[in-house]
Amino acid sequence: MRTLITVRYCVLLSTFIVGTALLVPGCKDLDPLNPAATITARLMTVFASPSPTSPDTVDVLVDNIVLGTGLRYPTNMSITYVPVPTGAHQLRLRGARSTATLLSTTFQVEAGTSVSLFIIDSLAKASILTLIDSLTTPATGKAKIRFAHLSPNAPAYDLAIAGRGVIAGLNNRAFKQFSDFAVVDTGRGLTLQLLQAGTSARDTVRTAFQLATGRIYTVFARGFKGATTNRSLQIEVVTNN
């Protein structure tokens, strides 16, 4: 997970206050989880584009402010939650240390929400998928998990846990589709499985997975079915809390 340095929160805050260009005194100590009142939403960004072409590292900008540099698929894909104002924003993706724009699009965030924004598909066809994150902590002995299908050429999938079966509500998701969060029992040494929807045909697995008590997970299919090396179909996990 890629974490922003504190000064970037300072830049975000100073830029987004309407009608002033002043920096907030002491903003270097701003807590990203308790931002100023004008900043009432949070944004996580995940670079999930498995494009086999250059560039293999990218920078992510929101409203022309650099949120993360040198993101690389699939080893350094995420920027942790940052505070953002509510309303409409522009997201721009560019090659690392480059001015060439690979993707330019807009997205919306509402007050009081946490949002996960996924950059998906090959770079030639890149788009975004925004998910509202339900971060209410599950009860002791429970975890929350949801599933997003982000593999461009793969069939619809069910997400299953070996020995437990398909997770209720996390089934029959095609590319760009996602589920709500499901509350599940915790466990260690679990094996996640991508099963072709409605069948027992297993396309890939992720072993040694842990569902820890009180934790919230987004599991997503990434890569291309039939590809090799690091662009192959895989199961990826982001922890939301």
C-alpha atoms as a PDB file:
ATOM      1  CA  MET A   1       0.000   0.000   0.000  1.00  0.00           C
ATOM      2  CA  ARG A   2       1.502   3.365  -0.996  1.00  0.00           C
ATOM      3  CA  THR A   3       1.183   6.051   1.702  1.00  0.00           C
ATOM      4  CA  LEU A   4       1.297   9.774   0.979  1.00  0.00           C
ATOM      5  CA  ILE A   5       3.715  11.987   2.834  1.00  0.00           C
ATOM      6  CA  THR A   6       2.120  14.480   5.206  1.00  0.00           C
ATOM      7  CA  VAL A   7       3.005  17.556   3.169  1.00  0.00           C
ATOM      8  CA  ARG A   8       0.703  16.368   0.405  1.00  0.00           C
ATOM      9  CA  TYR A   9      -2.274  16.672   2.730  1.00  0.00           C
ATOM     10  CA  CYS A  10      -1.166  20.232   3.317  1.00  0.00           C
ATOM     11  CA  VAL A  11      -1.199  20.895  -0.450  1.00  0.00           C
ATOM     12  CA  LEU A  12      -4.601  19.316  -0.840  1.00  0.00           C
ATOM     13  CA  LEU A  13      -6.073  21.392   1.946  1.00  0.00           C
ATOM     14  CA  SER A  14      -4.637  24.659   0.748  1.00  0.00           C
ATOM     15  CA  THR A  15      -5.701  24.084  -2.848  1.00  0.00           C
ATOM     16  CA  PHE A  16      -9.274  23.067  -2.165  1.00  0.00           C
ATOM     17  CA  ILE A  17     -10.305  25.910   0.142  1.00  0.00           C
ATOM     18  CA  VAL A  18     -12.411  28.081  -2.112  1.00  0.00           C
ATOM     19  CA  GLY A  19     -11.418  31.700  -2.429  1.00  0.00           C
ATOM     20  CA  THR A  20      -7.991  31.561  -0.798  1.00  0.00           C
ATOM     21  CA  ALA A  21      -4.495  30.517  -1.743  1.00  0.00           C
ATOM     22  CA  LEU A  22      -3.224  30.541   1.822  1.00  0.00           C
ATOM     23  CA  LEU A  23      -1.715  27.495   3.460  1.00  0.00           C
ATOM     24  CA  VAL A  24      -3.230  26.498   6.759  1.00  0.00           C
ATOM     25  CA  PRO A  25      -0.744  27.155   9.601  1.00  0.00           C
ATOM     26  CA  GLY A  26       0.533  23.922  11.069  1.00  0.00           C
ATOM     27  CA  CYS A  27      -0.944  21.839   8.284  1.00  0.00           C
ATOM     28  CA  LYS A  28       2.121  19.588   8.320  1.00  0.00           C
ATOM     29  CA  ASP A  29       0.531  17.929  11.343  1.00  0.00           C
ATOM     30  CA  LEU A  30      -2.867  17.419   9.708  1.00  0.00           C
ATOM     31  CA  ASP A  31      -4.329  14.007  10.523  1.00  0.00           C
ATOM     32  CA  PRO A  32      -5.559  12.469   7.239  1.00  0.00           C
ATOM     33  CA  LEU A  33      -8.335  10.675   9.101  1.00  0.00           C
ATOM     34  CA  ASN A  34      -9.546  13.874  10.777  1.00  0.00           C
ATOM     35  CA  PRO A  35      -9.238  16.565   8.107  1.00  0.00           C
ATOM     36  CA  ALA A  36     -10.563  20.094   8.259  1.00  0.00           C
ATOM     37  CA  ALA A  37     -14.315  20.522   8.090  1.00  0.00           C
ATOM     38  CA  THR A  38     -14.229  21.486   4.412  1.00  0.00           C
ATOM     39  CA  ILE A  39     -12.773  18.078   3.523  1.00  0.00           C
ATOM     40  CA  THR A  40     -15.452  15.506   4.237  1.00  0.00           C
ATOM     41  CA  ALA A  41     -14.703  12.490   2.041  1.00  0.00           C
ATOM     42  CA  ARG A  42     -11.816  10.039   1.617  1.00  0.00           C
ATOM     43  CA  LEU A  43     -10.359   8.540  -1.531  1.00  0.00           C
ATOM     44  CA  MET A  44      -8.299   5.387  -2.095  1.00  0.00           C
ATOM     45  CA  THR A  45      -6.854   4.842  -5.573  1.00  0.00           C
ATOM     46  CA  VAL A  46      -5.832   1.469  -7.027  1.00  0.00           C
ATOM     47  CA  PHE A  47      -3.948   1.161 -10.326  1.00  0.00           C
ATOM     48  CA  ALA A  48      -5.384  -2.143 -11.580  1.00  0.00           C
ATOM     49  CA  SER A  49      -4.657  -1.750 -15.304  1.00  0.00           C
ATOM     50  CA  PRO A  50      -2.782  -4.836 -16.547  1.00  0.00           C
ATOM     51  CA  SER A  51      -1.633  -3.248 -19.793  1.00  0.00           C
ATOM     52  CA  PRO A  52       1.322  -5.104 -21.344  1.00  0.00           C
ATOM     53  CA  THR A  53       2.590  -1.921 -23.000  1.00  0.00           C
ATOM     54  CA  SER A  54       4.687   0.977 -21.738  1.00  0.00           C
ATOM     55  CA  PRO A  55       4.735   2.797 -19.448  1.00  0.00           C
ATOM     56  CA  ASP A  56       4.754   0.261 -16.635  1.00  0.00           C
ATOM     57  CA  THR A  57       4.862   2.977 -13.949  1.00  0.00           C
ATOM     58  CA  VAL A  58       2.411   5.852 -13.675  1.00  0.00           C
ATOM     59  CA  ASP A  59       1.584   8.971 -11.682  1.00  0.00           C
ATOM     60  CA  VAL A  60      -1.935   9.714 -10.435  1.00  0.00           C
ATOM     61  CA  LEU A  61      -3.212  13.296 -10.224  1.00  0.00           C
ATOM     62  CA  VAL A  62      -6.498  14.620  -8.864  1.00  0.00           C
ATOM     63  CA  ASP A  63      -7.363  18.172  -9.888  1.00  0.00           C
ATOM     64  CA  ASN A  64      -3.742  18.462 -11.126  1.00  0.00           C
ATOM     65  CA  ILE A  65      -2.344  17.604  -7.676  1.00  0.00           C
ATOM     66  CA  VAL A  66      -0.020  14.599  -7.662  1.00  0.00           C
ATOM     67  CA  LEU A  67      -1.406  11.981  -5.273  1.00  0.00           C
ATOM     68  CA  GLY A  68       1.078   9.237  -6.049  1.00  0.00           C
ATOM     69  CA  THR A  69       4.127   8.706  -8.229  1.00  0.00           C
ATOM     70  CA  GLY A  70       5.696   5.599  -9.650  1.00  0.00           C
ATOM     71  CA  LEU A  71       2.735   3.274  -9.212  1.00  0.00           C
ATOM     72  CA  ARG A  72       3.568  -0.039 -10.828  1.00  0.00           C
ATOM     73  CA  TYR A  73       1.286  -2.910 -11.776  1.00  0.00           C
ATOM     74  CA  PRO A  74       1.117  -5.301  -9.971  1.00  0.00           C
ATOM     75  CA  THR A  75       3.679  -4.649  -7.230  1.00  0.00           C
ATOM     76  CA  ASN A  76       2.850  -1.100  -6.113  1.00  0.00           C
ATOM     77  CA  MET A  77      -0.767  -0.544  -7.078  1.00  0.00           C
ATOM     78  CA  SER A  78      -2.409   1.429  -4.274  1.00  0.00           C
ATOM     79  CA  ILE A  79      -2.548   4.886  -2.738  1.00  0.00           C
ATOM     80  CA  THR A  80      -4.065   4.761   0.724  1.00  0.00           C
ATOM     81  CA  TYR A  81      -7.035   6.934   1.716  1.00  0.00           C
ATOM     82  CA  VAL A  82      -6.523  10.682   1.401  1.00  0.00           C
ATOM     83  CA  PRO A  83      -8.988  13.429   2.396  1.00  0.00           C
ATOM     84  CA  VAL A  84     -10.766  15.199  -0.456  1.00  0.00           C
ATOM     85  CA  PRO A  85     -13.583  17.752  -0.631  1.00  0.00           C
ATOM     86  CA  THR A  86     -17.004  16.628  -1.711  1.00  0.00           C
ATOM     87  CA  GLY A  87     -18.147  17.237  -5.261  1.00  0.00           C
ATOM     88  CA  ALA A  88     -16.721  16.623  -8.713  1.00  0.00           C
ATOM     89  CA  HIS A  89     -13.010  16.046  -9.377  1.00  0.00           C
ATOM     90  CA  GLN A  90     -10.768  15.352 -12.335  1.00  0.00           C
ATOM     91  CA  LEU A  91      -8.505  12.313 -12.294  1.00  0.00           C
ATOM     92  CA  ARG A  92      -5.527  12.191 -14.613  1.00  0.00           C
ATOM     93  CA  LEU A  93      -3.126   9.330 -15.212  1.00  0.00           C
ATOM     94  CA  ARG A  94       0.250   9.929 -16.798  1.00  0.00           C
ATOM     95  CA  GLY A  95       3.423   7.976 -17.350  1.00  0.00           C
ATOM     96  CA  ALA A  96       5.834   8.373 -14.454  1.00  0.00           C
ATOM     97  CA  ARG A  97       8.037  11.456 -14.893  1.00  0.00           C
ATOM     98  CA  SER A  98       6.131  12.281 -18.077  1.00  0.00           C
ATOM     99  CA  THR A  99       3.643  14.909 -19.181  1.00  0.00           C
ATOM    100  CA  ALA A 100       1.738  12.587 -21.540  1.00  0.00           C
ATOM    101  CA  THR A 101      -1.824  11.960 -20.347  1.00  0.00           C
ATOM    102  CA  LEU A 102      -2.925   8.313 -20.451  1.00  0.00           C
ATOM    103  CA  LEU A 103      -6.372   8.852 -18.950  1.00  0.00           C
ATOM    104  CA  SER A 104      -8.419  11.925 -18.058  1.00  0.00           C
ATOM    105  CA  THR A 105     -11.849  11.538 -16.509  1.00  0.00           C
ATOM    106  CA  THR A 106     -14.057  12.891 -13.748  1.00  0.00           C
ATOM    107  CA  PHE A 107     -15.558  11.360 -10.635  1.00  0.00           C
ATOM    108  CA  GLN A 108     -17.834  12.474  -7.821  1.00  0.00           C
ATOM    109  CA  VAL A 109     -17.605  12.029  -4.047  1.00  0.00           C
ATOM    110  CA  GLU A 110     -20.317  12.718  -1.499  1.00  0.00           C
ATOM    111  CA  ALA A 111     -20.039  14.042   2.040  1.00  0.00           C
ATOM    112  CA  GLY A 112     -19.116  11.503   4.681  1.00  0.00           C
ATOM    113  CA  THR A 113     -18.109   8.755   2.258  1.00  0.00           C
ATOM    114  CA  SER A 114     -14.982   6.707   1.736  1.00  0.00           C
ATOM    115  CA  VAL A 115     -14.465   5.793  -1.907  1.00  0.00           C
ATOM    116  CA  SER A 116     -12.189   3.284  -3.637  1.00  0.00           C
ATOM    117  CA  LEU A 117     -11.342   4.321  -7.195  1.00  0.00           C
ATOM    118  CA  PHE A 118      -9.950   1.584  -9.448  1.00  0.00           C
ATOM    119  CA  ILE A 119      -8.160   2.348 -12.719  1.00  0.00           C
ATOM    120  CA  ILE A 120      -9.054  -0.625 -14.884  1.00  0.00           C
ATOM    121  CA  ASP A 121      -8.667  -2.279 -18.309  1.00  0.00           C
ATOM    122  CA  SER A 122      -5.629  -1.952 -20.577  1.00  0.00           C
ATOM    123  CA  LEU A 123      -4.155   1.538 -20.818  1.00  0.00           C
ATOM    124  CA  ALA A 124      -5.445   1.908 -24.370  1.00  0.00           C
ATOM    125  CA  LYS A 125      -8.993   1.503 -23.031  1.00  0.00           C
ATOM    126  CA  ALA A 126      -8.478   2.626 -19.443  1.00  0.00           C
ATOM    127  CA  SER A 127     -11.451   3.760 -17.388  1.00  0.00           C
ATOM    128  CA  ILE A 128     -12.352   4.032 -13.722  1.00  0.00           C
ATOM    129  CA  LEU A 129     -14.648   2.142 -11.391  1.00  0.00           C
ATOM    130  CA  THR A 130     -15.662   3.844  -8.143  1.00  0.00           C
ATOM    131  CA  LEU A 131     -16.929   1.871  -5.164  1.00  0.00           C
ATOM    132  CA  ILE A 132     -18.451   3.303  -1.983  1.00  0.00           C
ATOM    133  CA  ASP A 133     -16.727   1.704   1.005  1.00  0.00           C
ATOM    134  CA  SER A 134     -18.864   0.570   3.933  1.00  0.00           C
ATOM    135  CA  LEU A 135     -16.387   0.788   6.799  1.00  0.00           C
ATOM    136  CA  THR A 136     -18.583  -0.098   9.755  1.00  0.00           C
ATOM    137  CA  THR A 137     -16.470  -2.525  11.794  1.00  0.00           C
ATOM    138  CA  PRO A 138     -17.855  -6.078  11.857  1.00  0.00           C
ATOM    139  CA  ALA A 139     -18.432  -7.898  15.130  1.00  0.00           C
ATOM    140  CA  THR A 140     -15.756  -9.869  16.953  1.00  0.00           C
ATOM    141  CA  GLY A 141     -14.996 -13.076  15.100  1.00  0.00           C
ATOM    142  CA  LYS A 142     -16.291 -11.634  11.840  1.00  0.00           C
ATOM    143  CA  ALA A 143     -14.798  -9.858   8.818  1.00  0.00           C
ATOM    144  CA  LYS A 144     -16.303  -8.107   5.796  1.00  0.00           C
ATOM    145  CA  ILE A 145     -15.431  -8.950   2.224  1.00  0.00           C
ATOM    146  CA  ARG A 146     -16.609  -7.887  -1.232  1.00  0.00           C
ATOM    147  CA  PHE A 147     -15.640  -8.929  -4.735  1.00  0.00           C
ATOM    148  CA  ALA A 148     -14.930  -6.872  -7.861  1.00  0.00           C
ATOM    149  CA  HIS A 149     -14.281  -8.389 -11.293  1.00  0.00           C
ATOM    150  CA  LEU A 150     -11.521  -6.360 -12.973  1.00  0.00           C
ATOM    151  CA  SER A 151     -10.133  -8.862 -15.492  1.00  0.00           C
ATOM    152  CA  PRO A 152     -11.027  -7.530 -18.966  1.00  0.00           C
ATOM    153  CA  ASN A 153     -11.211 -10.821 -20.870  1.00  0.00           C
ATOM    154  CA  ALA A 154     -12.285 -13.280 -18.197  1.00  0.00           C
ATOM    155  CA  PRO A 155     -15.767 -14.820 -17.841  1.00  0.00           C
ATOM    156  CA  ALA A 156     -18.141 -14.100 -14.971  1.00  0.00           C
ATOM    157  CA  TYR A 157     -16.892 -15.447 -11.641  1.00  0.00           C
ATOM    158  CA  ASP A 158     -18.022 -16.629  -8.253  1.00  0.00           C
ATOM    159  CA  LEU A 159     -15.663 -15.956  -5.333  1.00  0.00           C
ATOM    160  CA  ALA A 160     -15.288 -19.001  -3.103  1.00  0.00           C
ATOM    161  CA  ILE A 161     -13.278 -20.140  -0.118  1.00  0.00           C
ATOM    162  CA  ALA A 162     -11.997 -23.695  -0.318  1.00  0.00           C
ATOM    163  CA  GLY A 163     -13.885 -25.846   2.161  1.00  0.00           C
ATOM    164  CA  ARG A 164     -16.595 -23.212   2.641  1.00  0.00           C
ATOM    165  CA  GLY A 165     -17.951 -22.808  -0.870  1.00  0.00           C
ATOM    166  CA  VAL A 166     -19.080 -19.726  -2.763  1.00  0.00           C
ATOM    167  CA  ILE A 167     -19.435 -16.677  -0.510  1.00  0.00           C
ATOM    168  CA  ALA A 168     -23.088 -15.649  -0.371  1.00  0.00           C
ATOM    169  CA  GLY A 169     -23.676 -12.568  -2.517  1.00  0.00           C
ATOM    170  CA  LEU A 170     -20.214 -12.676  -4.127  1.00  0.00           C
ATOM    171  CA  ASN A 171     -21.250 -14.677  -7.163  1.00  0.00           C
ATOM    172  CA  ASN A 172     -21.828 -14.246 -10.891  1.00  0.00           C
ATOM    173  CA  ARG A 173     -19.883 -11.017 -11.344  1.00  0.00           C
ATOM    174  CA  ALA A 174     -18.727 -10.087 -14.863  1.00  0.00           C
ATOM    175  CA  PHE A 175     -16.067  -7.540 -15.826  1.00  0.00           C
ATOM    176  CA  LYS A 176     -16.648  -4.178 -14.095  1.00  0.00           C
ATOM    177  CA  GLN A 177     -19.262  -5.668 -11.759  1.00  0.00           C
ATOM    178  CA  PHE A 178     -18.869  -5.833  -7.993  1.00  0.00           C
ATOM    179  CA  SER A 179     -20.723  -7.054  -4.933  1.00  0.00           C
ATOM    180  CA  ASP A 180     -21.778  -5.499  -1.669  1.00  0.00           C
ATOM    181  CA  PHE A 181     -19.794  -6.382   1.439  1.00  0.00           C
ATOM    182  CA  ALA A 182     -20.650  -9.715   3.039  1.00  0.00           C
ATOM    183  CA  VAL A 183     -20.026 -10.540   6.690  1.00  0.00           C
ATOM    184  CA  VAL A 184     -18.077 -13.796   7.032  1.00  0.00           C
ATOM    185  CA  ASP A 185     -16.365 -15.867   9.703  1.00  0.00           C
ATOM    186  CA  THR A 186     -12.687 -15.204  10.253  1.00  0.00           C
ATOM    187  CA  GLY A 187      -9.986 -17.739   9.484  1.00  0.00           C
ATOM    188  CA  ARG A 188      -6.307 -18.332   8.727  1.00  0.00           C
ATOM    189  CA  GLY A 189      -4.615 -20.226   5.943  1.00  0.00           C
ATOM    190  CA  LEU A 190      -7.617 -19.867   3.665  1.00  0.00           C
ATOM    191  CA  THR A 191      -7.612 -20.412  -0.092  1.00  0.00           C
ATOM    192  CA  LEU A 192      -9.628 -17.985  -2.202  1.00  0.00           C
ATOM    193  CA  GLN A 193     -10.904 -19.386  -5.496  1.00  0.00           C
ATOM    194  CA  LEU A 194     -12.193 -17.817  -8.705  1.00  0.00           C
ATOM    195  CA  LEU A 195     -14.814 -20.199 -10.037  1.00  0.00           C
ATOM    196  CA  GLN A 196     -16.463 -19.715 -13.398  1.00  0.00           C
ATOM    197  CA  ALA A 197     -19.952 -18.586 -12.467  1.00  0.00           C
ATOM    198  CA  GLY A 198     -22.312 -21.375 -11.549  1.00  0.00           C
ATOM    199  CA  THR A 199     -19.692 -24.108 -12.001  1.00  0.00           C
ATOM    200  CA  SER A 200     -16.836 -25.761 -10.147  1.00  0.00           C
ATOM    201  CA  ALA A 201     -14.329 -24.776 -12.861  1.00  0.00           C
ATOM    202  CA  ARG A 202     -11.521 -23.014 -11.026  1.00  0.00           C
ATOM    203  CA  ASP A 203      -9.441 -20.468 -12.954  1.00  0.00           C
ATOM    204  CA  THR A 204      -7.053 -19.299 -10.229  1.00  0.00           C
ATOM    205  CA  VAL A 205      -6.531 -19.316  -6.473  1.00  0.00           C
ATOM    206  CA  ARG A 206      -4.881 -17.268  -3.743  1.00  0.00           C
ATOM    207  CA  THR A 207      -3.487 -19.296  -0.882  1.00  0.00           C
ATOM    208  CA  ALA A 208      -2.548 -18.449   2.713  1.00  0.00           C
ATOM    209  CA  PHE A 209      -5.219 -15.773   2.975  1.00  0.00           C
ATOM    210  CA  GLN A 210      -6.336 -14.519   6.364  1.00  0.00           C
ATOM    211  CA  LEU A 211      -9.711 -13.089   7.295  1.00  0.00           C
ATOM    212  CA  ALA A 212      -8.895 -11.233  10.514  1.00  0.00           C
ATOM    213  CA  THR A 213     -11.504 -10.198  13.060  1.00  0.00           C
ATOM    214  CA  GLY A 214     -12.848  -6.685  12.498  1.00  0.00           C
ATOM    215  CA  ARG A 215     -11.125  -6.254   9.145  1.00  0.00           C
ATOM    216  CA  ILE A 216     -12.698  -5.190   5.848  1.00  0.00           C
ATOM    217  CA  TYR A 217     -11.417  -6.484   2.499  1.00  0.00           C
ATOM    218  CA  THR A 218     -11.954  -5.813  -1.191  1.00  0.00           C
ATOM    219  CA  VAL A 219     -10.978  -8.850  -3.260  1.00  0.00           C
ATOM    220  CA  PHE A 220     -10.663  -8.368  -6.995  1.00  0.00           C
ATOM    221  CA  ALA A 221      -9.786 -10.374 -10.076  1.00  0.00           C
ATOM    222  CA  ARG A 222      -6.978  -8.738 -12.038  1.00  0.00           C
ATOM    223  CA  GLY A 223      -4.904  -9.438 -15.133  1.00  0.00           C
ATOM    224  CA  PHE A 224      -5.790 -11.246 -18.334  1.00  0.00           C
ATOM    225  CA  LYS A 225      -7.058 -14.797 -18.516  1.00  0.00           C
ATOM    226  CA  GLY A 226      -4.535 -16.798 -20.528  1.00  0.00           C
ATOM    227  CA  ALA A 227      -1.710 -14.286 -20.102  1.00  0.00           C
ATOM    228  CA  THR A 228       1.671 -15.123 -18.612  1.00  0.00           C
ATOM    229  CA  THR A 229       4.090 -13.438 -16.206  1.00  0.00           C
ATOM    230  CA  ASN A 230       2.733 -10.628 -14.027  1.00  0.00           C
ATOM    231  CA  ARG A 231      -0.211  -9.894 -16.375  1.00  0.00           C
ATOM    232  CA  SER A 232      -1.808 -13.276 -15.738  1.00  0.00           C
ATOM    233  CA  LEU A 233      -5.164 -13.731 -14.016  1.00  0.00           C
ATOM    234  CA  GLN A 234      -4.717 -13.324 -10.277  1.00  0.00           C
ATOM    235  CA  ILE A 235      -6.683 -12.649  -7.107  1.00  0.00           C
ATOM    236  CA  GLU A 236      -5.696  -9.378  -5.406  1.00  0.00           C
ATOM    237  CA  VAL A 237      -6.735  -8.067  -1.989  1.00  0.00           C
ATOM    238  CA  VAL A 238      -6.987  -4.521  -0.649  1.00  0.00           C
ATOM    239  CA  THR A 239      -7.593  -3.957   3.064  1.00  0.00           C
ATOM    240  CA  ASN A 240     -10.017  -1.093   3.611  1.00  0.00           C
ATOM    241  CA  ASN A 241      -9.408  -0.529   7.321  1.00  0.00           C
END
